[in-house]
Protein backbone atom coordinates (compact mmCIF):
# COMPACT_ATOMS: atom_id res chain seq x y z
CA UNK A 1 29.46 -4.10 6.01
CA UNK A 2 32.69 -4.91 7.82
CA UNK A 3 33.21 -8.73 7.06
CA UNK A 4 36.90 -11.07 9.43
CA UNK A 5 36.99 -14.37 7.34
CA UNK A 6 39.31 -16.34 8.21
CA UNK A 7 41.13 -19.12 6.35
CA UNK A 8 44.32 -21.37 7.14
CA UNK A 9 42.65 -24.13 9.84
CA UNK A 10 42.62 -28.18 8.97
CA UNK A 11 44.19 -30.73 10.59
CA UNK A 12 48.36 -31.95 11.32
CA UNK A 13 50.68 -33.44 13.41
CA UNK A 14 51.87 -32.87 16.52
CA UNK A 15 55.12 -30.55 15.40
CA UNK A 16 53.60 -29.40 12.35
CA UNK A 17 53.17 -26.03 10.87
CA UNK A 18 49.99 -23.81 10.14
CA UNK A 19 49.55 -20.44 8.57
CA UNK A 20 45.83 -18.77 9.41
CA UNK A 21 44.77 -16.30 7.40
CA UNK A 22 42.24 -12.99 9.34
CA UNK A 23 40.68 -11.02 5.31
CA UNK A 24 38.57 -7.61 6.62
CA UNK A 25 37.02 -5.73 4.46
CA UNK A 26 35.77 -2.76 5.15
CA UNK A 27 37.34 0.39 6.53
CA UNK A 28 38.35 -1.63 9.98
CA UNK A 29 42.56 -2.36 9.53
CA UNK A 30 43.41 0.95 10.55
CA UNK A 31 42.02 0.63 13.68
CA UNK A 32 44.33 -0.28 16.60
CA UNK A 33 44.81 -3.18 18.47
CA UNK A 34 44.16 -6.65 16.82
CA UNK A 35 45.06 -9.96 17.55
CA UNK A 36 43.52 -14.00 17.86
CA UNK A 37 42.11 -15.62 20.06
CA UNK A 38 40.93 -19.67 20.37
CA UNK A 39 38.31 -21.99 22.72
CA UNK A 40 39.00 -25.68 23.02
CA UNK A 41 36.33 -27.91 23.80
CA UNK A 42 34.77 -26.71 27.87
CA UNK A 43 37.34 -23.99 27.86
CA UNK A 44 36.90 -20.87 28.21
CA UNK A 45 37.91 -18.76 25.21
CA UNK A 46 41.54 -16.91 25.91
CA UNK A 47 43.80 -14.78 24.09
CA UNK A 48 46.19 -15.93 21.61
CA UNK A 49 48.00 -12.98 20.26
CA UNK A 50 48.41 -9.21 19.61
CA UNK A 51 49.42 -6.32 17.51
CA UNK A 52 48.67 -3.49 17.29
CA UNK A 53 49.57 -0.04 15.11
CA UNK A 54 52.91 0.54 17.25
CA UNK A 55 54.17 -2.90 15.78
CA UNK A 56 54.38 -3.97 19.75
CA UNK A 57 53.16 -7.76 20.07
CA UNK A 58 51.80 -10.00 23.45
CA UNK A 59 51.64 -13.58 22.98
CA UNK A 60 50.37 -16.25 24.98
CA UNK A 61 53.39 -17.91 27.58
CA UNK A 62 51.61 -21.42 25.96
CA UNK A 63 52.25 -20.29 22.65
CA UNK A 64 56.03 -17.20 22.70
CA UNK A 65 58.35 -18.84 20.47
CA UNK A 66 56.39 -20.54 18.37
CA UNK A 67 53.92 -18.81 17.35
CA UNK A 68 53.39 -15.67 15.32
CA UNK A 69 51.64 -12.82 14.30
CA UNK A 70 51.39 -10.10 11.40
CA UNK A 71 49.90 -7.93 9.68
CA UNK A 72 49.53 -6.46 6.67
CA UNK A 73 47.98 -3.80 5.73
CA UNK A 74 48.20 -3.50 2.31
CA UNK A 75 46.08 -6.84 2.24
CA UNK A 76 43.89 -6.19 5.17
CA UNK A 77 44.99 -8.75 6.37
CA UNK A 78 46.55 -10.43 9.90
CA UNK A 79 47.91 -13.50 9.78
CA UNK A 80 48.82 -15.98 13.02
CA UNK A 81 52.12 -18.62 12.14
CA UNK A 82 51.96 -21.09 13.63
CA UNK A 83 55.31 -23.60 13.89
CA UNK A 84 55.72 -26.30 16.43
CA UNK A 85 52.05 -27.15 17.24
CA UNK A 86 51.54 -29.66 20.64
CA UNK A 87 47.59 -31.16 20.91
CA UNK A 88 46.75 -29.04 23.91
CA UNK A 89 46.71 -26.03 21.00
CA UNK A 90 43.88 -27.83 19.36
CA UNK A 91 40.19 -25.17 19.11
CA UNK A 92 38.36 -22.97 17.75
CA UNK A 93 40.14 -19.95 16.41
CA UNK A 94 38.62 -16.66 16.45
CA UNK A 95 40.09 -13.82 15.14
CA UNK A 96 39.58 -9.55 16.05
CA UNK A 97 39.96 -6.23 14.43
CA UNK A 98 38.90 -3.26 16.96
CA UNK A 99 35.14 -4.43 18.13
CA UNK A 100 35.24 -6.69 14.91
CA UNK A 101 35.30 -10.75 14.84
CA UNK A 102 35.91 -13.47 13.03
CA UNK A 103 33.16 -16.72 11.96
CA UNK A 104 36.20 -18.61 14.31
CA UNK A 105 38.30 -21.69 12.43
CA UNK A 106 39.12 -25.02 13.50
CA UNK A 107 42.44 -26.30 14.28
CA UNK A 108 43.15 -30.00 15.69
CA UNK A 109 46.79 -30.65 16.25
CA UNK A 110 46.71 -34.98 16.47
CA UNK A 111 49.46 -36.70 19.01
């Protein structure tokens, strides 16, 4: 059974940092294409960051230079380091690995 379990969300002041983790069970971590989406209240889900087996990464323009996604293959874990957080980064963050999704975790940035 495949499971993605997210952790690391919470409440932080603007300018602060958080690191999200997405731990995967099952043999899916070798699959290509993983990353993060987020959904703010009343808005559509949007892509935040992607990472591929080649090491190539892709970021939304709004987070480039502030967020970094990485993977630890030995731990089957995907990370999203978020620095210089802004109130507009508030939302529910979802990790995905190929076609599998995490349950979502709340990130709230206060001004």
